[in-house]
Amino acid sequence: MSQPGMGAMLHYLGGGSPKNPEEYYGRKIADAVFKDSEIKLVFDDGVGIRILDSAQSCCEERYMTCDDNIKDLIGNTLTAIETKEGPETNDGYGEVHEVVFLIIKAGHEEISVATHNEHNGYYGGFGISLDEIK
């Protein structure tokens, strides 16, 4: 992975994600939405969480893509939220494209969301954040 950019460094210096995903393991998913580079999960107890890359600092382009059907998670119990480093490409002119996979497991279902960061070599890294929503 490229050197972390200012947004990614601030994310980690600030303690990382506001919430630990493990706090939500064992809860049944009542709704799941992927929209505008955010994942929202609502549990049957009414609590919801939002997952996004919050490390935007300047000139990089950050976005998420998903080919899986996030609705497949509904009705299943959340068991894991993990990240896995993906490929990094460099076009030879300083432009870098990094990918981290965000994997959400619930019951026998698993979805993979690709988190992308395209930058000029100075804004590397990711700041995957999970916070609670009302």
Protein backbone atom coordinates (compact mmCIF):
# COMPACT_ATOMS: atom_id res chain seq x y z
CA MET A 1 0.00 0.00 0.00
CA SER A 2 1.16 3.55 -0.69
CA GLN A 3 2.26 5.89 2.04
CA PRO A 4 -0.77 7.03 4.05
CA GLY A 5 -2.15 10.43 3.21
CA MET A 6 -3.11 13.08 5.75
CA GLY A 7 -6.72 11.89 6.02
CA ALA A 8 -5.67 8.28 6.66
CA MET A 9 -3.04 9.39 9.20
CA LEU A 10 -5.54 11.56 11.06
CA HIS A 11 -7.99 8.64 11.07
CA TYR A 12 -5.46 6.37 12.78
CA LEU A 13 -4.06 9.06 15.11
CA GLY A 14 -7.62 9.82 16.20
CA GLY A 15 -8.12 6.22 17.29
CA GLY A 16 -9.56 4.83 14.06
CA SER A 17 -13.21 3.91 13.83
CA PRO A 18 -15.62 5.42 16.39
CA LYS A 19 -17.11 1.95 17.06
CA ASN A 20 -15.70 -1.57 17.17
CA PRO A 21 -17.54 -3.94 14.79
CA GLU A 22 -17.45 -6.70 17.43
CA GLU A 23 -20.00 -4.70 19.46
CA TYR A 24 -22.59 -5.68 16.82
CA TYR A 25 -21.74 -9.34 16.28
CA GLY A 26 -24.60 -11.66 17.18
CA ARG A 27 -27.30 -9.18 16.12
CA LYS A 28 -29.85 -10.11 13.48
CA ILE A 29 -29.84 -7.87 10.38
CA ALA A 30 -33.27 -6.39 9.60
CA ASP A 31 -32.20 -4.13 6.71
CA ALA A 32 -29.09 -3.61 4.60
CA VAL A 33 -28.45 -0.78 2.14
CA PHE A 34 -25.45 0.11 -0.05
CA LYS A 35 -25.74 3.65 -1.41
CA ASP A 36 -23.42 6.60 -2.05
CA SER A 37 -20.29 4.66 -0.99
CA GLU A 38 -21.80 3.82 2.40
CA ILE A 39 -23.13 0.61 3.87
CA LYS A 40 -25.98 0.85 6.35
CA LEU A 41 -27.09 -2.11 8.42
CA VAL A 42 -30.11 -1.96 10.73
CA PHE A 43 -30.58 -4.70 13.30
CA ASP A 44 -33.84 -6.15 14.59
CA ASP A 45 -33.34 -4.26 17.89
CA GLY A 46 -33.53 -0.94 15.98
CA VAL A 47 -29.83 -0.11 16.24
CA GLY A 48 -28.12 0.81 12.98
CA ILE A 49 -24.53 1.16 11.81
CA ARG A 50 -22.88 2.96 8.92
CA ILE A 51 -19.60 1.86 7.32
CA LEU A 52 -17.57 4.15 5.03
CA ASP A 53 -14.05 5.30 4.17
CA SER A 54 -13.69 8.54 6.11
CA ALA A 55 -10.06 9.35 5.22
CA GLN A 56 -10.76 11.87 2.42
CA SER A 57 -8.23 14.67 2.73
CA CYS A 58 -7.79 16.50 -0.56
CA CYS A 59 -7.21 15.44 -4.11
CA GLU A 60 -7.89 11.72 -3.99
CA GLU A 61 -11.04 10.04 -5.25
CA ARG A 62 -12.57 7.54 -2.81
CA TYR A 63 -15.51 5.32 -3.64
CA MET A 64 -16.97 1.88 -2.95
CA THR A 65 -18.30 -0.73 -5.38
CA CYS A 66 -20.17 -3.96 -4.76
CA ASP A 67 -21.29 -6.68 -7.16
CA ASP A 68 -22.95 -8.73 -4.40
CA ASN A 69 -26.56 -8.34 -3.30
CA ILE A 70 -26.33 -6.72 0.12
CA LYS A 71 -29.99 -7.63 0.76
CA ASP A 72 -28.82 -11.27 1.11
CA LEU A 73 -27.60 -10.30 4.60
CA ILE A 74 -31.15 -9.57 5.81
CA GLY A 75 -32.48 -12.13 8.29
CA ASN A 76 -29.00 -13.38 9.15
CA THR A 77 -26.91 -12.80 12.27
CA LEU A 78 -23.83 -10.60 11.85
CA THR A 79 -20.67 -12.61 12.55
CA ALA A 80 -17.81 -10.57 11.09
CA ILE A 81 -16.75 -7.32 9.46
CA GLU A 82 -13.22 -7.58 8.11
CA THR A 83 -10.88 -5.84 5.71
CA LYS A 84 -8.47 -7.49 3.32
CA GLU A 85 -5.83 -5.66 1.32
CA GLY A 86 -6.44 -5.76 -2.40
CA PRO A 87 -4.39 -4.84 -5.46
CA GLU A 88 -2.53 -1.60 -6.00
CA THR A 89 -1.76 -0.33 -9.47
CA ASN A 90 0.52 2.49 -10.54
CA ASP A 91 0.26 3.90 -14.06
CA GLY A 92 3.97 4.82 -14.19
CA TYR A 93 3.20 8.54 -14.05
CA GLY A 94 2.51 8.73 -10.32
CA GLU A 95 -1.21 7.93 -10.40
CA VAL A 96 -2.04 5.15 -7.93
CA HIS A 97 -5.21 3.07 -7.52
CA GLU A 98 -5.48 1.19 -4.21
CA VAL A 99 -8.20 -1.28 -3.22
CA VAL A 100 -9.19 -2.71 0.16
CA PHE A 101 -11.97 -5.29 0.38
CA LEU A 102 -14.53 -4.89 3.15
CA ILE A 103 -16.04 -8.29 3.91
CA ILE A 104 -19.30 -8.61 5.85
CA LYS A 105 -20.34 -12.06 7.06
CA ALA A 106 -23.77 -12.93 8.39
CA GLY A 107 -24.96 -16.50 8.84
CA HIS A 108 -24.01 -18.39 5.69
CA GLU A 109 -23.96 -15.18 3.63
CA GLU A 110 -20.92 -13.10 2.81
CA ILE A 111 -20.60 -9.94 0.74
CA SER A 112 -17.47 -8.19 -0.43
CA VAL A 113 -17.33 -4.44 -1.02
CA ALA A 114 -14.32 -2.97 -2.83
CA THR A 115 -13.16 0.31 -1.35
CA HIS A 116 -11.14 2.31 -3.88
CA ASN A 117 -8.68 5.17 -3.44
CA GLU A 118 -7.30 6.79 -6.60
CA HIS A 119 -4.62 9.39 -5.94
CA ASN A 120 -1.35 10.95 -7.08
CA GLY A 121 0.84 9.01 -4.65
CA TYR A 122 0.47 11.42 -1.72
CA TYR A 123 -2.99 10.47 -0.46
CA GLY A 124 -2.69 6.72 0.13
CA GLY A 125 -4.33 4.54 2.71
CA PHE A 126 -7.83 4.04 3.97
CA GLY A 127 -9.87 5.06 6.99
CA ILE A 128 -12.66 2.50 7.19
CA SER A 129 -15.03 3.81 9.85
CA LEU A 130 -18.03 2.29 11.54
CA ASP A 131 -20.39 4.46 13.54
CA GLU A 132 -23.81 4.00 15.04
CA ILE A 133 -26.79 5.72 13.46
CA LYS A 134 -30.16 6.46 14.97
